[in-house]
């Protein structure tokens, strides 16, 4: 892989890492919200918990994409 394509991949990785950080902020806020919902509001707790789980899966998926891009960049 030439340097131009490596630089493009590095830029994409940086964008993905920034996106992951933003998702992490949203997930943290949603977790705080979930933790403070009264127990009597089980439906809202279920929705907030599902949102937190899905945001966590999204971050895990971005980690995987970043690893694949790094492997491609590094010729692994």
N, C-alpha and C. Protein backbone atom coordinates (compact mmCIF):
# COMPACT_ATOMS: atom_id res chain seq x y z
N UNK A 1 0.85 -1.18 0.00
CA UNK A 1 0.00 0.00 0.00
C UNK A 1 0.90 1.24 0.00
N UNK A 2 0.51 2.21 -0.81
CA UNK A 2 1.34 3.41 -0.88
C UNK A 2 0.98 4.40 0.24
N UNK A 3 1.81 5.40 0.37
CA UNK A 3 1.65 6.37 1.46
C UNK A 3 0.33 7.14 1.38
N UNK A 4 -0.11 7.45 0.17
CA UNK A 4 -1.36 8.20 0.01
C UNK A 4 -2.53 7.41 0.59
N UNK A 5 -2.60 6.12 0.25
CA UNK A 5 -3.69 5.30 0.77
C UNK A 5 -3.55 5.09 2.28
N UNK A 6 -2.34 4.97 2.78
CA UNK A 6 -2.13 4.86 4.23
C UNK A 6 -2.64 6.12 4.95
N UNK A 7 -2.35 7.27 4.36
CA UNK A 7 -2.81 8.53 4.95
C UNK A 7 -4.34 8.61 4.95
N UNK A 8 -4.96 8.14 3.89
CA UNK A 8 -6.43 8.13 3.83
C UNK A 8 -6.98 7.22 4.92
N UNK A 9 -6.40 6.05 5.07
CA UNK A 9 -6.85 5.13 6.12
C UNK A 9 -6.64 5.74 7.50
N UNK A 10 -5.50 6.39 7.70
CA UNK A 10 -5.26 7.06 8.99
C UNK A 10 -6.32 8.12 9.27
N UNK A 11 -6.72 8.85 8.25
CA UNK A 11 -7.75 9.86 8.40
C UNK A 11 -9.10 9.21 8.75
N UNK A 12 -9.41 8.13 8.10
CA UNK A 12 -10.65 7.41 8.39
C UNK A 12 -10.63 6.88 9.82
N UNK A 13 -9.51 6.32 10.23
CA UNK A 13 -9.38 5.81 11.60
C UNK A 13 -9.60 6.93 12.61
N UNK A 14 -9.01 8.08 12.34
CA UNK A 14 -9.19 9.23 13.24
C UNK A 14 -10.66 9.63 13.34
N UNK A 15 -11.34 9.67 12.20
CA UNK A 15 -12.76 10.02 12.20
C UNK A 15 -13.57 8.99 12.98
N UNK A 16 -13.25 7.72 12.81
CA UNK A 16 -13.97 6.67 13.54
C UNK A 16 -13.71 6.76 15.04
N UNK A 17 -12.48 7.06 15.41
CA UNK A 17 -12.17 7.21 16.83
C UNK A 17 -12.92 8.40 17.43
N UNK A 18 -13.05 9.48 16.68
CA UNK A 18 -13.82 10.64 17.14
C UNK A 18 -15.30 10.29 17.27
N UNK A 19 -15.80 9.54 16.30
CA UNK A 19 -17.20 9.11 16.37
C UNK A 19 -17.42 8.20 17.57
N UNK A 20 -16.49 7.31 17.82
CA UNK A 20 -16.60 6.42 18.97
C UNK A 20 -16.64 7.22 20.27
N UNK A 21 -15.81 8.23 20.37
CA UNK A 21 -15.78 9.07 21.57
C UNK A 21 -17.11 9.79 21.76
N UNK A 22 -17.71 10.25 20.69
CA UNK A 22 -19.02 10.92 20.77
C UNK A 22 -20.10 9.94 21.19
N UNK A 23 -20.05 8.73 20.65
CA UNK A 23 -21.02 7.70 21.03
C UNK A 23 -20.85 7.36 22.50
N UNK A 24 -19.61 7.29 22.95
CA UNK A 24 -19.34 6.98 24.35
C UNK A 24 -19.94 8.05 25.27
N UNK A 25 -19.87 9.31 24.87
CA UNK A 25 -20.48 10.39 25.65
C UNK A 25 -21.99 10.21 25.73
N UNK A 26 -22.61 9.90 24.60
CA UNK A 26 -24.06 9.69 24.58
C UNK A 26 -24.43 8.49 25.43
N UNK A 27 -23.65 7.42 25.33
CA UNK A 27 -23.92 6.22 26.11
C UNK A 27 -23.80 6.51 27.60
N UNK A 28 -22.82 7.27 27.98
CA UNK A 28 -22.64 7.64 29.39
C UNK A 28 -23.82 8.46 29.90
N UNK A 29 -24.26 9.42 29.09
CA UNK A 29 -25.42 10.22 29.47
C UNK A 29 -26.68 9.36 29.60
N UNK A 30 -26.84 8.45 28.65
CA UNK A 30 -28.01 7.57 28.69
C UNK A 30 -27.96 6.64 29.91
N UNK A 31 -26.75 6.19 30.25
CA UNK A 31 -26.60 5.33 31.43
C UNK A 31 -26.94 6.10 32.69
N UNK A 32 -26.50 7.34 32.78
CA UNK A 32 -26.86 8.18 33.93
C UNK A 32 -28.38 8.35 34.02
N UNK A 33 -29.00 8.60 32.88
CA UNK A 33 -30.45 8.73 32.83
C UNK A 33 -31.11 7.44 33.32
N UNK A 34 -30.65 6.31 32.81
CA UNK A 34 -31.20 5.01 33.17
C UNK A 34 -31.06 4.76 34.67
N UNK A 35 -29.91 5.10 35.21
CA UNK A 35 -29.65 4.86 36.63
C UNK A 35 -30.55 5.70 37.53
N UNK A 36 -31.10 6.78 37.00
CA UNK A 36 -31.91 7.69 37.81
C UNK A 36 -33.40 7.61 37.53
N UNK A 37 -33.82 6.67 36.69
CA UNK A 37 -35.25 6.49 36.44
C UNK A 37 -35.86 5.76 37.64
N UNK A 38 -36.97 6.24 38.13
CA UNK A 38 -37.62 5.55 39.25
C UNK A 38 -37.98 4.11 38.87
N UNK A 39 -37.85 3.20 39.80
CA UNK A 39 -38.10 1.79 39.53
C UNK A 39 -39.52 1.52 39.06
N UNK A 40 -40.44 2.40 39.38
CA UNK A 40 -41.82 2.22 38.96
C UNK A 40 -42.01 2.42 37.45
N UNK A 41 -41.03 2.97 36.80
CA UNK A 41 -41.12 3.25 35.36
C UNK A 41 -40.32 2.21 34.58
N UNK A 42 -40.73 0.96 34.72
CA UNK A 42 -39.97 -0.14 34.12
C UNK A 42 -39.87 -0.06 32.61
N UNK A 43 -40.91 0.44 31.95
CA UNK A 43 -40.86 0.54 30.49
C UNK A 43 -39.75 1.49 30.05
N UNK A 44 -39.62 2.61 30.72
CA UNK A 44 -38.55 3.57 30.38
C UNK A 44 -37.18 2.98 30.70
N UNK A 45 -37.10 2.23 31.78
CA UNK A 45 -35.83 1.59 32.13
C UNK A 45 -35.43 0.61 31.04
N UNK A 46 -36.39 -0.18 30.56
CA UNK A 46 -36.11 -1.16 29.51
C UNK A 46 -35.62 -0.49 28.23
N UNK A 47 -36.26 0.61 27.86
CA UNK A 47 -35.88 1.34 26.64
C UNK A 47 -34.48 1.94 26.81
N UNK A 48 -34.22 2.56 27.95
CA UNK A 48 -32.91 3.17 28.19
C UNK A 48 -31.81 2.12 28.25
N UNK A 49 -32.12 0.97 28.86
CA UNK A 49 -31.13 -0.11 28.93
C UNK A 49 -30.81 -0.64 27.54
N UNK A 50 -31.85 -0.81 26.72
CA UNK A 50 -31.62 -1.27 25.34
C UNK A 50 -30.78 -0.26 24.57
N UNK A 51 -31.05 1.03 24.76
CA UNK A 51 -30.26 2.06 24.09
C UNK A 51 -28.80 1.98 24.51
N UNK A 52 -28.57 1.82 25.81
CA UNK A 52 -27.19 1.71 26.32
C UNK A 52 -26.48 0.50 25.72
N UNK A 53 -27.19 -0.62 25.67
CA UNK A 53 -26.61 -1.83 25.10
C UNK A 53 -26.26 -1.63 23.63
N UNK A 54 -27.18 -1.04 22.87
CA UNK A 54 -26.93 -0.82 21.45
C UNK A 54 -25.79 0.16 21.20
N UNK A 55 -25.69 1.18 22.03
CA UNK A 55 -24.57 2.10 21.90
C UNK A 55 -23.24 1.41 22.22
N UNK A 56 -23.26 0.52 23.19
CA UNK A 56 -22.06 -0.26 23.52
C UNK A 56 -21.68 -1.17 22.34
N UNK A 57 -22.68 -1.81 21.72
CA UNK A 57 -22.41 -2.65 20.54
C UNK A 57 -21.83 -1.81 19.40
N UNK A 58 -22.34 -0.60 19.24
CA UNK A 58 -21.84 0.28 18.19
C UNK A 58 -20.36 0.61 18.42
N UNK A 59 -20.02 0.90 19.68
CA UNK A 59 -18.61 1.21 19.99
C UNK A 59 -17.73 -0.01 19.75
N UNK A 60 -18.22 -1.19 20.12
CA UNK A 60 -17.46 -2.42 19.88
C UNK A 60 -17.26 -2.64 18.39
N UNK A 61 -18.29 -2.38 17.61
CA UNK A 61 -18.20 -2.54 16.16
C UNK A 61 -17.19 -1.57 15.56
N UNK A 62 -17.18 -0.34 16.05
CA UNK A 62 -16.19 0.62 15.56
C UNK A 62 -14.78 0.17 15.90
N UNK A 63 -14.59 -0.39 17.09
CA UNK A 63 -13.28 -0.94 17.45
C UNK A 63 -12.84 -1.99 16.45
N UNK A 64 -13.79 -2.84 16.07
CA UNK A 64 -13.47 -3.90 15.11
C UNK A 64 -13.11 -3.32 13.74
N UNK A 65 -13.87 -2.34 13.29
CA UNK A 65 -13.59 -1.69 12.01
C UNK A 65 -12.20 -1.05 12.04
N UNK A 66 -11.89 -0.37 13.14
CA UNK A 66 -10.59 0.28 13.28
C UNK A 66 -9.48 -0.75 13.21
N UNK A 67 -9.65 -1.89 13.86
CA UNK A 67 -8.64 -2.95 13.81
C UNK A 67 -8.43 -3.46 12.39
N UNK A 68 -9.52 -3.64 11.64
CA UNK A 68 -9.39 -4.09 10.25
C UNK A 68 -8.66 -3.06 9.40
N UNK A 69 -8.99 -1.79 9.61
CA UNK A 69 -8.31 -0.74 8.85
C UNK A 69 -6.83 -0.67 9.19
N UNK A 70 -6.50 -0.81 10.47
CA UNK A 70 -5.09 -0.81 10.86
C UNK A 70 -4.35 -1.99 10.25
N UNK A 71 -5.00 -3.15 10.23
CA UNK A 71 -4.37 -4.34 9.62
C UNK A 71 -4.17 -4.12 8.13
N UNK A 72 -5.15 -3.52 7.45
CA UNK A 72 -5.00 -3.26 6.03
C UNK A 72 -3.88 -2.26 5.77
N UNK A 73 -3.82 -1.24 6.59
CA UNK A 73 -2.78 -0.21 6.46
C UNK A 73 -1.40 -0.80 6.66
N UNK A 74 -1.31 -1.69 7.64
CA UNK A 74 -0.01 -2.27 8.01
C UNK A 74 0.35 -3.50 7.20
N UNK A 75 -0.54 -3.92 6.30
CA UNK A 75 -0.25 -5.07 5.45
C UNK A 75 -0.30 -6.39 6.18
N UNK A 76 -1.14 -6.49 7.15
CA UNK A 76 -1.25 -7.75 7.92
C UNK A 76 -2.31 -8.65 7.32
